[in-house]
Amino acid sequence: MRALFGRKVLNLKELEEFTKEAKKDGMKGTAYEVVKEIELSDNEFEQFAKELWKDQTWISEEDGGCNEKGELRCIRVKNIKTNKIILVDSEGYTYPRYTALEK
């Protein structure tokens, strides 16, 4: 699986714009591996998506980085009402340092 990861994206709208532009520019995305899944209510997901720069209790410093195959290790964050998904690579931090939309 591949996704277009943006660095230090502030919110869902900015992530959607980044993704649209990256696709338009012909970017193929980065291979990734899901290491953890988080399900959020619609309200929780909306709050998370508005402030992607904030630390989250469910993100640890060990959740990101690369695996032995060179794939990004990430968390799949899912809105249980809408099934919208944001991938998070913390890259050693406790906030979504890199984010992507999952198809």
PDB file of N, CA and C in Angstrom:
ATOM      1  N   MET A   1       0.837  -1.170   0.000  1.00  0.00           N
ATOM      2  CA  MET A   1       0.000   0.000   0.000  1.00  0.00           C
ATOM      3  C   MET A   1       0.889   1.242   0.000  1.00  0.00           C
ATOM      4  N   ARG A   2       0.408   2.281  -0.657  1.00  0.00           N
ATOM      5  CA  ARG A   2       1.144   3.536  -0.741  1.00  0.00           C
ATOM      6  C   ARG A   2       0.215   4.695  -0.402  1.00  0.00           C
ATOM      7  N   ALA A   3       0.801   5.744   0.177  1.00  0.00           N
ATOM      8  CA  ALA A   3       0.030   6.948   0.508  1.00  0.00           C
ATOM      9  C   ALA A   3       0.939   8.160   0.386  1.00  0.00           C
ATOM     10  N   LEU A   4       0.318   9.308   0.188  1.00  0.00           N
ATOM     11  CA  LEU A   4       1.034  10.573   0.061  1.00  0.00           C
ATOM     12  C   LEU A   4       1.093  11.252   1.427  1.00  0.00           C
ATOM     13  N   PHE A   5       2.245  11.191   2.073  1.00  0.00           N
ATOM     14  CA  PHE A   5       2.418  11.742   3.413  1.00  0.00           C
ATOM     15  C   PHE A   5       2.912  13.184   3.340  1.00  0.00           C
ATOM     16  N   GLY A   6       2.242  14.053   4.105  1.00  0.00           N
ATOM     17  CA  GLY A   6       2.662  15.441   4.229  1.00  0.00           C
ATOM     18  C   GLY A   6       3.279  15.658   5.593  1.00  0.00           C
ATOM     19  N   ARG A   7       4.297  16.517   5.675  1.00  0.00           N
ATOM     20  CA  ARG A   7       5.008  16.793   6.928  1.00  0.00           C
ATOM     21  C   ARG A   7       4.405  18.013   7.621  1.00  0.00           C
ATOM     22  N   LYS A   8       4.104  17.842   8.909  1.00  0.00           N
ATOM     23  CA  LYS A   8       3.584  18.907   9.767  1.00  0.00           C
ATOM     24  C   LYS A   8       2.365  19.608   9.172  1.00  0.00           C
ATOM     25  N   VAL A   9       1.430  18.822   8.676  1.00  0.00           N
ATOM     26  CA  VAL A   9       0.163  19.347   8.149  1.00  0.00           C
ATOM     27  C   VAL A   9      -0.693  19.779   9.340  1.00  0.00           C
ATOM     28  N   LEU A  10      -1.341  20.927   9.230  1.00  0.00           N
ATOM     29  CA  LEU A  10      -2.059  21.489  10.375  1.00  0.00           C
ATOM     30  C   LEU A  10      -3.453  20.925  10.598  1.00  0.00           C
ATOM     31  N   ASN A  11      -4.165  20.575   9.502  1.00  0.00           N
ATOM     32  CA  ASN A  11      -5.546  20.106   9.662  1.00  0.00           C
ATOM     33  C   ASN A  11      -5.962  19.288   8.438  1.00  0.00           C
ATOM     34  N   LEU A  12      -7.147  18.710   8.510  1.00  0.00           N
ATOM     35  CA  LEU A  12      -7.638  17.835   7.444  1.00  0.00           C
ATOM     36  C   LEU A  12      -7.771  18.574   6.113  1.00  0.00           C
ATOM     37  N   LYS A  13      -8.258  19.799   6.148  1.00  0.00           N
ATOM     38  CA  LYS A  13      -8.409  20.562   4.905  1.00  0.00           C
ATOM     39  C   LYS A  13      -7.059  20.743   4.212  1.00  0.00           C
ATOM     40  N   GLU A  14      -6.037  21.098   4.974  1.00  0.00           N
ATOM     41  CA  GLU A  14      -4.695  21.262   4.407  1.00  0.00           C
ATOM     42  C   GLU A  14      -4.167  19.928   3.864  1.00  0.00           C
ATOM     43  N   LEU A  15      -4.463  18.822   4.570  1.00  0.00           N
ATOM     44  CA  LEU A  15      -4.041  17.501   4.112  1.00  0.00           C
ATOM     45  C   LEU A  15      -4.719  17.132   2.801  1.00  0.00           C
ATOM     46  N   GLU A  16      -6.004  17.435   2.689  1.00  0.00           N
ATOM     47  CA  GLU A  16      -6.731  17.150   1.448  1.00  0.00           C
ATOM     48  C   GLU A  16      -6.175  17.977   0.292  1.00  0.00           C
ATOM     49  N   GLU A  17      -5.850  19.238   0.542  1.00  0.00           N
ATOM     50  CA  GLU A  17      -5.264  20.090  -0.504  1.00  0.00           C
ATOM     51  C   GLU A  17      -3.879  19.589  -0.912  1.00  0.00           C
ATOM     52  N   PHE A  18      -3.066  19.218   0.086  1.00  0.00           N
ATOM     53  CA  PHE A  18      -1.740  18.671  -0.200  1.00  0.00           C
ATOM     54  C   PHE A  18      -1.847  17.429  -1.074  1.00  0.00           C
ATOM     55  N   THR A  19      -2.762  16.524  -0.715  1.00  0.00           N
ATOM     56  CA  THR A  19      -2.946  15.274  -1.443  1.00  0.00           C
ATOM     57  C   THR A  19      -3.375  15.538  -2.883  1.00  0.00           C
ATOM     58  N   LYS A  20      -4.306  16.448  -3.063  1.00  0.00           N
ATOM     59  CA  LYS A  20      -4.788  16.806  -4.400  1.00  0.00           C
ATOM     60  C   LYS A  20      -3.645  17.344  -5.263  1.00  0.00           C
ATOM     61  N   GLU A  21      -2.847  18.243  -4.716  1.00  0.00           N
ATOM     62  CA  GLU A  21      -1.724  18.827  -5.452  1.00  0.00           C
ATOM     63  C   GLU A  21      -0.652  17.779  -5.757  1.00  0.00           C
ATOM     64  N   ALA A  22      -0.360  16.921  -4.800  1.00  0.00           N
ATOM     65  CA  ALA A  22       0.653  15.883  -4.994  1.00  0.00           C
ATOM     66  C   ALA A  22       0.242  14.926  -6.112  1.00  0.00           C
ATOM     67  N   LYS A  23      -1.036  14.543  -6.142  1.00  0.00           N
ATOM     68  CA  LYS A  23      -1.537  13.679  -7.212  1.00  0.00           C
ATOM     69  C   LYS A  23      -1.444  14.386  -8.558  1.00  0.00           C
ATOM     70  N   LYS A  24      -1.797  15.672  -8.562  1.00  0.00           N
ATOM     71  CA  LYS A  24      -1.733  16.463  -9.786  1.00  0.00           C
ATOM     72  C   LYS A  24      -0.292  16.537 -10.320  1.00  0.00           C
ATOM     73  N   ASP A  25       0.678  16.580  -9.393  1.00  0.00           N
ATOM     74  CA  ASP A  25       2.093  16.640  -9.762  1.00  0.00           C
ATOM     75  C   ASP A  25       2.675  15.265 -10.100  1.00  0.00           C
ATOM     76  N   GLY A  26       1.838  14.218 -10.025  1.00  0.00           N
ATOM     77  CA  GLY A  26       2.277  12.875 -10.403  1.00  0.00           C
ATOM     78  C   GLY A  26       3.009  12.096  -9.324  1.00  0.00           C
ATOM     79  N   MET A  27       2.946  12.547  -8.085  1.00  0.00           N
ATOM     80  CA  MET A  27       3.618  11.822  -6.999  1.00  0.00           C
ATOM     81  C   MET A  27       2.922  10.476  -6.778  1.00  0.00           C
ATOM     82  N   LYS A  28       3.704   9.459  -6.479  1.00  0.00           N
ATOM     83  CA  LYS A  28       3.186   8.091  -6.320  1.00  0.00           C
ATOM     84  C   LYS A  28       2.922   7.703  -4.867  1.00  0.00           C
ATOM     85  N   GLY A  29       3.521   8.402  -3.928  1.00  0.00           N
ATOM     86  CA  GLY A  29       3.308   8.062  -2.529  1.00  0.00           C
ATOM     87  C   GLY A  29       4.395   7.158  -1.988  1.00  0.00           C
ATOM     88  N   THR A  30       4.327   6.933  -0.688  1.00  0.00           N
ATOM     89  CA  THR A  30       5.311   6.143   0.045  1.00  0.00           C
ATOM     90  C   THR A  30       4.655   4.865   0.558  1.00  0.00           C
ATOM     91  N   ALA A  31       5.400   3.774   0.496  1.00  0.00           N
ATOM     92  CA  ALA A  31       4.904   2.506   1.038  1.00  0.00           C
ATOM     93  C   ALA A  31       4.822   2.619   2.558  1.00  0.00           C
ATOM     94  N   TYR A  32       3.786   1.981   3.140  1.00  0.00           N
ATOM     95  CA  TYR A  32       3.616   2.060   4.586  1.00  0.00           C
ATOM     96  C   TYR A  32       3.105   0.756   5.160  1.00  0.00           C
ATOM     97  N   GLU A  33       3.294   0.622   6.470  1.00  0.00           N
ATOM     98  CA  GLU A  33       2.802  -0.516   7.251  1.00  0.00           C
ATOM     99  C   GLU A  33       2.012   0.047   8.420  1.00  0.00           C
ATOM    100  N   VAL A  34       0.818  -0.461   8.653  1.00  0.00           N
ATOM    101  CA  VAL A  34       0.004  -0.036   9.794  1.00  0.00           C
ATOM    102  C   VAL A  34       0.423  -0.854  11.015  1.00  0.00           C
ATOM    103  N   VAL A  35       0.859  -0.153  12.080  1.00  0.00           N
ATOM    104  CA  VAL A  35       1.307  -0.827  13.298  1.00  0.00           C
ATOM    105  C   VAL A  35       0.275  -0.750  14.423  1.00  0.00           C
ATOM    106  N   LYS A  36      -0.697   0.146  14.269  1.00  0.00           N
ATOM    107  CA  LYS A  36      -1.734   0.312  15.291  1.00  0.00           C
ATOM    108  C   LYS A  36      -2.944   0.952  14.632  1.00  0.00           C
ATOM    109  N   GLU A  37      -4.143   0.602  15.127  1.00  0.00           N
ATOM    110  CA  GLU A  37      -5.374   1.226  14.633  1.00  0.00           C
ATOM    111  C   GLU A  37      -6.107   1.886  15.795  1.00  0.00           C
ATOM    112  N   ILE A  38      -6.576   3.100  15.550  1.00  0.00           N
ATOM    113  CA  ILE A  38      -7.338   3.861  16.540  1.00  0.00           C
ATOM    114  C   ILE A  38      -8.685   4.201  15.911  1.00  0.00           C
ATOM    115  N   GLU A  39      -9.762   3.916  16.622  1.00  0.00           N
ATOM    116  CA  GLU A  39     -11.098   4.286  16.158  1.00  0.00           C
ATOM    117  C   GLU A  39     -11.615   5.415  17.031  1.00  0.00           C
ATOM    118  N   LEU A  40     -12.068   6.482  16.376  1.00  0.00           N
ATOM    119  CA  LEU A  40     -12.583   7.647  17.089  1.00  0.00           C
ATOM    120  C   LEU A  40     -14.036   7.896  16.709  1.00  0.00           C
ATOM    121  N   SER A  41     -14.794   8.437  17.656  1.00  0.00           N
ATOM    122  CA  SER A  41     -16.165   8.851  17.340  1.00  0.00           C
ATOM    123  C   SER A  41     -16.090  10.005  16.341  1.00  0.00           C
ATOM    124  N   ASP A  42     -17.205  10.352  15.756  1.00  0.00           N
ATOM    125  CA  ASP A  42     -17.227  11.440  14.777  1.00  0.00           C
ATOM    126  C   ASP A  42     -16.707  12.737  15.403  1.00  0.00           C
ATOM    127  N   ASN A  43     -17.171  13.050  16.610  1.00  0.00           N
ATOM    128  CA  ASN A  43     -16.720  14.273  17.289  1.00  0.00           C
ATOM    129  C   ASN A  43     -15.229  14.230  17.606  1.00  0.00           C
ATOM    130  N   GLU A  44     -14.752  13.097  18.114  1.00  0.00           N
ATOM    131  CA  GLU A  44     -13.330  12.957  18.431  1.00  0.00           C
ATOM    132  C   GLU A  44     -12.472  13.089  17.169  1.00  0.00           C
ATOM    133  N   PHE A  45     -12.917  12.466  16.074  1.00  0.00           N
ATOM    134  CA  PHE A  45     -12.167  12.529  14.827  1.00  0.00           C
ATOM    135  C   PHE A  45     -12.125  13.954  14.298  1.00  0.00           C
ATOM    136  N   GLU A  46     -13.257  14.646  14.338  1.00  0.00           N
ATOM    137  CA  GLU A  46     -13.307  16.033  13.855  1.00  0.00           C
ATOM    138  C   GLU A  46     -12.355  16.921  14.659  1.00  0.00           C
ATOM    139  N   GLN A  47     -12.325  16.732  15.966  1.00  0.00           N
ATOM    140  CA  GLN A  47     -11.407  17.514  16.807  1.00  0.00           C
ATOM    141  C   GLN A  47      -9.961  17.184  16.458  1.00  0.00           C
ATOM    142  N   PHE A  48      -9.643  15.910  16.332  1.00  0.00           N
ATOM    143  CA  PHE A  48      -8.301  15.472  15.942  1.00  0.00           C
ATOM    144  C   PHE A  48      -7.908  16.076  14.593  1.00  0.00           C
ATOM    145  N   ALA A  49      -8.810  16.009  13.610  1.00  0.00           N
ATOM    146  CA  ALA A  49      -8.525  16.473  12.252  1.00  0.00           C
ATOM    147  C   ALA A  49      -8.379  17.994  12.162  1.00  0.00           C
ATOM    148  N   LYS A  50      -8.946  18.716  13.107  1.00  0.00           N
ATOM    149  CA  LYS A  50      -8.823  20.183  13.129  1.00  0.00           C
ATOM    150  C   LYS A  50      -7.466  20.626  13.656  1.00  0.00           C
ATOM    151  N   GLU A  51      -6.833  19.759  14.460  1.00  0.00           N
ATOM    152  CA  GLU A  51      -5.590  20.126  15.142  1.00  0.00           C
ATOM    153  C   GLU A  51      -4.558  19.009  15.033  1.00  0.00           C
ATOM    154  N   LEU A  52      -4.125  18.718  13.811  1.00  0.00           N
ATOM    155  CA  LEU A  52      -3.187  17.621  13.595  1.00  0.00           C
ATOM    156  C   LEU A  52      -1.821  17.858  14.231  1.00  0.00           C
ATOM    157  N   TRP A  53      -1.541  19.059  14.625  1.00  0.00           N
ATOM    158  CA  TRP A  53      -0.258  19.411  15.218  1.00  0.00           C
ATOM    159  C   TRP A  53      -0.183  19.131  16.720  1.00  0.00           C
ATOM    160  N   LYS A  54      -1.309  18.713  17.311  1.00  0.00           N
ATOM    161  CA  LYS A  54      -1.357  18.501  18.762  1.00  0.00           C
ATOM    162  C   LYS A  54      -0.887  17.105  19.160  1.00  0.00           C
ATOM    163  N   ASP A  55      -0.239  17.027  20.338  1.00  0.00           N
ATOM    164  CA  ASP A  55       0.129  15.730  20.910  1.00  0.00           C
ATOM    165  C   ASP A  55      -1.137  14.932  21.194  1.00  0.00           C
ATOM    166  N   GLN A  56      -1.031  13.611  21.046  1.00  0.00           N
ATOM    167  CA  GLN A  56      -2.154  12.712  21.322  1.00  0.00           C
ATOM    168  C   GLN A  56      -1.686  11.629  22.299  1.00  0.00           C
ATOM    169  N   THR A  57      -2.535  11.272  23.251  1.00  0.00           N
ATOM    170  CA  THR A  57      -2.166  10.265  24.252  1.00  0.00           C
ATOM    171  C   THR A  57      -1.949   8.896  23.635  1.00  0.00           C
ATOM    172  N   TRP A  58      -2.585   8.615  22.498  1.00  0.00           N
ATOM    173  CA  TRP A  58      -2.488   7.309  21.855  1.00  0.00           C
ATOM    174  C   TRP A  58      -1.348   7.220  20.840  1.00  0.00           C
ATOM    175  N   ILE A  59      -0.556   8.277  20.717  1.00  0.00           N
ATOM    176  CA  ILE A  59       0.627   8.240  19.848  1.00  0.00           C
ATOM    177  C   ILE A  59       1.858   8.151  20.734  1.00  0.00           C
ATOM    178  N   SER A  60       2.704   7.160  20.466  1.00  0.00           N
ATOM    179  CA  SER A  60       3.952   7.057  21.216  1.00  0.00           C
ATOM    180  C   SER A  60       5.130   7.316  20.277  1.00  0.00           C
ATOM    181  N   GLU A  61       6.268   7.557  20.868  1.00  0.00           N
ATOM    182  CA  GLU A  61       7.470   7.831  20.082  1.00  0.00           C
ATOM    183  C   GLU A  61       7.898   6.622  19.255  1.00  0.00           C
ATOM    184  N   GLU A  62       7.454   5.441  19.625  1.00  0.00           N
ATOM    185  CA  GLU A  62       7.832   4.212  18.919  1.00  0.00           C
ATOM    186  C   GLU A  62       6.902   3.867  17.751  1.00  0.00           C
ATOM    187  N   ASP A  63       5.826   4.615  17.559  1.00  0.00           N
ATOM    188  CA  ASP A  63       4.837   4.267  16.543  1.00  0.00           C
ATOM    189  C   ASP A  63       5.257   4.603  15.108  1.00  0.00           C
ATOM    190  N   GLY A  64       6.233   5.427  14.913  1.00  0.00           N
ATOM    191  CA  GLY A  64       6.588   5.859  13.564  1.00  0.00           C
ATOM    192  C   GLY A  64       7.920   5.319  13.107  1.00  0.00           C
ATOM    193  N   GLY A  65       8.477   6.001  12.116  1.00  0.00           N
ATOM    194  CA  GLY A  65       9.755   5.580  11.565  1.00  0.00           C
ATOM    195  C   GLY A  65       9.573   4.601  10.427  1.00  0.00           C
ATOM    196  N   CYS A  66      10.641   3.869  10.113  1.00  0.00           N
ATOM    197  CA  CYS A  66      10.606   2.900   9.008  1.00  0.00           C
ATOM    198  C   CYS A  66      10.812   1.486   9.525  1.00  0.00           C
ATOM    199  N   ASN A  67      10.213   0.532   8.826  1.00  0.00           N
ATOM    200  CA  ASN A  67      10.451  -0.876   9.145  1.00  0.00           C
ATOM    201  C   ASN A  67      11.667  -1.376   8.357  1.00  0.00           C
ATOM    202  N   GLU A  68      11.961  -2.657   8.488  1.00  0.00           N
ATOM    203  CA  GLU A  68      13.140  -3.235   7.829  1.00  0.00           C
ATOM    204  C   GLU A  68      13.029  -3.228   6.302  1.00  0.00           C
ATOM    205  N   LYS A  69      11.821  -3.084   5.761  1.00  0.00           N
ATOM    206  CA  LYS A  69      11.619  -3.035   4.305  1.00  0.00           C
ATOM    207  C   LYS A  69      11.625  -1.606   3.771  1.00  0.00           C
ATOM    208  N   GLY A  70      11.818  -0.626   4.663  1.00  0.00           N
ATOM    209  CA  GLY A  70      11.837   0.772   4.251  1.00  0.00           C
ATOM    210  C   GLY A  70      10.460   1.410   4.175  1.00  0.00           C
ATOM    211  N   GLU A  71       9.440   0.714   4.651  1.00  0.00           N
ATOM    212  CA  GLU A  71       8.073   1.261   4.668  1.00  0.00           C
ATOM    213  C   GLU A  71       7.891   2.124   5.917  1.00  0.00           C
ATOM    214  N   LEU A  72       7.074   3.179   5.787  1.00  0.00           N
ATOM    215  CA  LEU A  72       6.764   3.989   6.958  1.00  0.00           C
ATOM    216  C   LEU A  72       5.856   3.200   7.897  1.00  0.00           C
ATOM    217  N   ARG A  73       6.175   3.213   9.175  1.00  0.00           N
ATOM    218  CA  ARG A  73       5.333   2.594  10.194  1.00  0.00           C
ATOM    219  C   ARG A  73       4.338   3.652  10.644  1.00  0.00           C
ATOM    220  N   CYS A  74       3.049   3.348  10.614  1.00  0.00           N
ATOM    221  CA  CYS A  74       2.072   4.378  10.942  1.00  0.00           C
ATOM    222  C   CYS A  74       0.852   3.835  11.679  1.00  0.00           C
ATOM    223  N   ILE A  75       0.089   4.779  12.206  1.00  0.00           N
ATOM    224  CA  ILE A  75      -1.165   4.492  12.899  1.00  0.00           C
ATOM    225  C   ILE A  75      -2.306   4.819  11.944  1.00  0.00           C
ATOM    226  N   ARG A  76      -3.273   3.926  11.861  1.00  0.00           N
ATOM    227  CA  ARG A  76      -4.493   4.179  11.074  1.00  0.00           C
ATOM    228  C   ARG A  76      -5.539   4.746  12.032  1.00  0.00           C
ATOM    229  N   VAL A  77      -5.942   5.985  11.811  1.00  0.00           N
ATOM    230  CA  VAL A  77      -6.932   6.656  12.661  1.00  0.00           C
ATOM    231  C   VAL A  77      -8.228   6.740  11.861  1.00  0.00           C
ATOM    232  N   LYS A  78      -9.261   6.081  12.376  1.00  0.00           N
ATOM    233  CA  LYS A  78     -10.513   5.933  11.626  1.00  0.00           C
ATOM    234  C   LYS A  78     -11.686   6.592  12.345  1.00  0.00           C
ATOM    235  N   ASN A  79     -12.469   7.323  11.569  1.00  0.00           N
ATOM    236  CA  ASN A  79     -13.741   7.875  12.051  1.00  0.00           C
ATOM    237  C   ASN A  79     -14.762   6.739  11.951  1.00  0.00           C
ATOM    238  N   ILE A  80     -15.285   6.263  13.077  1.00  0.00           N
ATOM    239  CA  ILE A  80     -16.177   5.102  13.040  1.00  0.00           C
ATOM    240  C   ILE A  80     -17.531   5.405  12.407  1.00  0.00           C
ATOM    241  N   LYS A  81     -17.899   6.685  12.306  1.00  0.00           N
ATOM    242  CA  LYS A  81     -19.172   7.045  11.672  1.00  0.00           C
ATOM    243  C   LYS A  81     -19.028   7.149  10.148  1.00  0.00           C
ATOM    244  N   THR A  82     -17.976   7.815   9.688  1.00  0.00           N
ATOM    245  CA  THR A  82     -17.831   8.096   8.253  1.00  0.00           C
ATOM    246  C   THR A  82     -16.835   7.179   7.540  1.00  0.00           C
ATOM    247  N   ASN A  83     -16.045   6.417   8.302  1.00  0.00           N
ATOM    248  CA  ASN A  83     -14.977   5.565   7.779  1.00  0.00           C
ATOM    249  C   ASN A  83     -13.834   6.346   7.135  1.00  0.00           C
ATOM    250  N   LYS A  84     -13.771   7.644   7.340  1.00  0.00           N
ATOM    251  CA  LYS A  84     -12.639   8.445   6.847  1.00  0.00           C
ATOM    252  C   LYS A  84     -11.410   8.030   7.653  1.00  0.00           C
ATOM    253  N   ILE A  85     -10.263   7.941   6.971  1.00  0.00           N
ATOM    254  CA  ILE A  85      -9.043   7.460   7.620  1.00  0.00           C
ATOM    255  C   ILE A  85      -7.885   8.422   7.367  1.00  0.00           C
ATOM    256  N   ILE A  86      -7.171   8.716   8.450  1.00  0.00           N
ATOM    257  CA  ILE A  86      -5.920   9.468   8.366  1.00  0.00           C
ATOM    258  C   ILE A  86      -4.812   8.559   8.886  1.00  0.00           C
ATOM    259  N   LEU A  87      -3.740   8.460   8.119  1.00  0.00           N
ATOM    260  CA  LEU A  87      -2.566   7.706   8.540  1.00  0.00           C
ATOM    261  C   LEU A  87      -1.609   8.666   9.243  1.00  0.00           C
ATOM    262  N   VAL A  88      -1.012   8.210  10.337  1.00  0.00           N
ATOM    263  CA  VAL A  88      -0.119   9.041  11.139  1.00  0.00           C
ATOM    264  C   VAL A  88       1.220   8.334  11.321  1.00  0.00           C
ATOM    265  N   ASP A  89       2.297   9.020  10.942  1.00  0.00           N
ATOM    266  CA  ASP A  89       3.655   8.576  11.262  1.00  0.00           C
ATOM    267  C   ASP A  89       4.213   9.612  12.230  1.00  0.00           C
ATOM    268  N   SER A  90       4.440   9.201  13.475  1.00  0.00           N
ATOM    269  CA  SER A  90       4.893  10.143  14.507  1.00  0.00           C
ATOM    270  C   SER A  90       6.382  10.461  14.388  1.00  0.00           C
ATOM    271  N   GLU A  91       7.137   9.593  13.732  1.00  0.00           N
ATOM    272  CA  GLU A  91       8.576   9.799  13.512  1.00  0.00           C
ATOM    273  C   GLU A  91       9.301  10.176  14.808  1.00  0.00           C
ATOM    274  N   GLY A  92       8.941   9.470  15.900  1.00  0.00           N
ATOM    275  CA  GLY A  92       9.631   9.683  17.165  1.00  0.00           C
ATOM    276  C   GLY A  92       9.031  10.754  18.052  1.00  0.00           C
ATOM    277  N   TYR A  93       7.875  11.280  17.689  1.00  0.00           N
ATOM    278  CA  TYR A  93       7.208  12.308  18.485  1.00  0.00           C
ATOM    279  C   TYR A  93       5.856  11.771  18.970  1.00  0.00           C
ATOM    280  N   THR A  94       5.098  12.584  19.698  1.00  0.00           N
ATOM    281  CA  THR A  94       3.780  12.156  20.173  1.00  0.00           C
ATOM    282  C   THR A  94       2.664  12.950  19.499  1.00  0.00           C
ATOM    283  N   TYR A  95       2.969  13.525  18.345  1.00  0.00           N
ATOM    284  CA  TYR A  95       1.952  14.189  17.517  1.00  0.00           C
ATOM    285  C   TYR A  95       2.091  13.657  16.096  1.00  0.00           C
ATOM    286  N   PRO A  96       1.088  13.874  15.242  1.00  0.00           N
ATOM    287  CA  PRO A  96       1.147  13.396  13.860  1.00  0.00           C
ATOM    288  C   PRO A  96       2.148  14.194  13.023  1.00  0.00           C
ATOM    289  N   ARG A  97       3.419  13.839  13.068  1.00  0.00           N
ATOM    290  CA  ARG A  97       4.451  14.579  12.322  1.00  0.00           C
ATOM    291  C   ARG A  97       4.241  14.445  10.821  1.00  0.00           C
ATOM    292  N   TYR A  98       3.898  13.255  10.363  1.00  0.00           N
ATOM    293  CA  TYR A  98       3.557  13.008   8.953  1.00  0.00           C
ATOM    294  C   TYR A  98       2.162  12.427   8.895  1.00  0.00           C
ATOM    295  N   THR A  99       1.333  12.921   7.977  1.00  0.00           N
ATOM    296  CA  THR A  99      -0.023  12.416   7.849  1.00  0.00           C
ATOM    297  C   THR A  99      -0.347  12.173   6.379  1.00  0.00           C
ATOM    298  N   ALA A 100      -1.299  11.269   6.152  1.00  0.00           N
ATOM    299  CA  ALA A 100      -1.750  10.946   4.804  1.00  0.00           C
ATOM    300  C   ALA A 100      -3.197  10.486   4.865  1.00  0.00           C
ATOM    301  N   LEU A 101      -3.878  10.617   3.749  1.00  0.00           N
ATOM    302  CA  LEU A 101      -5.234  10.070   3.617  1.00  0.00           C
ATOM    303  C   LEU A 101      -5.112   8.661   3.085  1.00  0.00           C
ATOM    304  N   GLU A 102      -5.881   7.741   3.637  1.00  0.00           N
ATOM    305  CA  GLU A 102      -5.891   6.366   3.123  1.00  0.00           C
ATOM    306  C   GLU A 102      -7.107   6.209   2.242  1.00  0.00           C
ATOM    307  N   LYS A 103      -6.905   5.619   1.094  1.00  0.00           N
ATOM    308  CA  LYS A 103      -8.020   5.413   0.145  1.00  0.00           C
ATOM    309  C   LYS A 103      -9.005   4.406   0.682  1.00  0.00           C
TER     310      LYS A 103
END
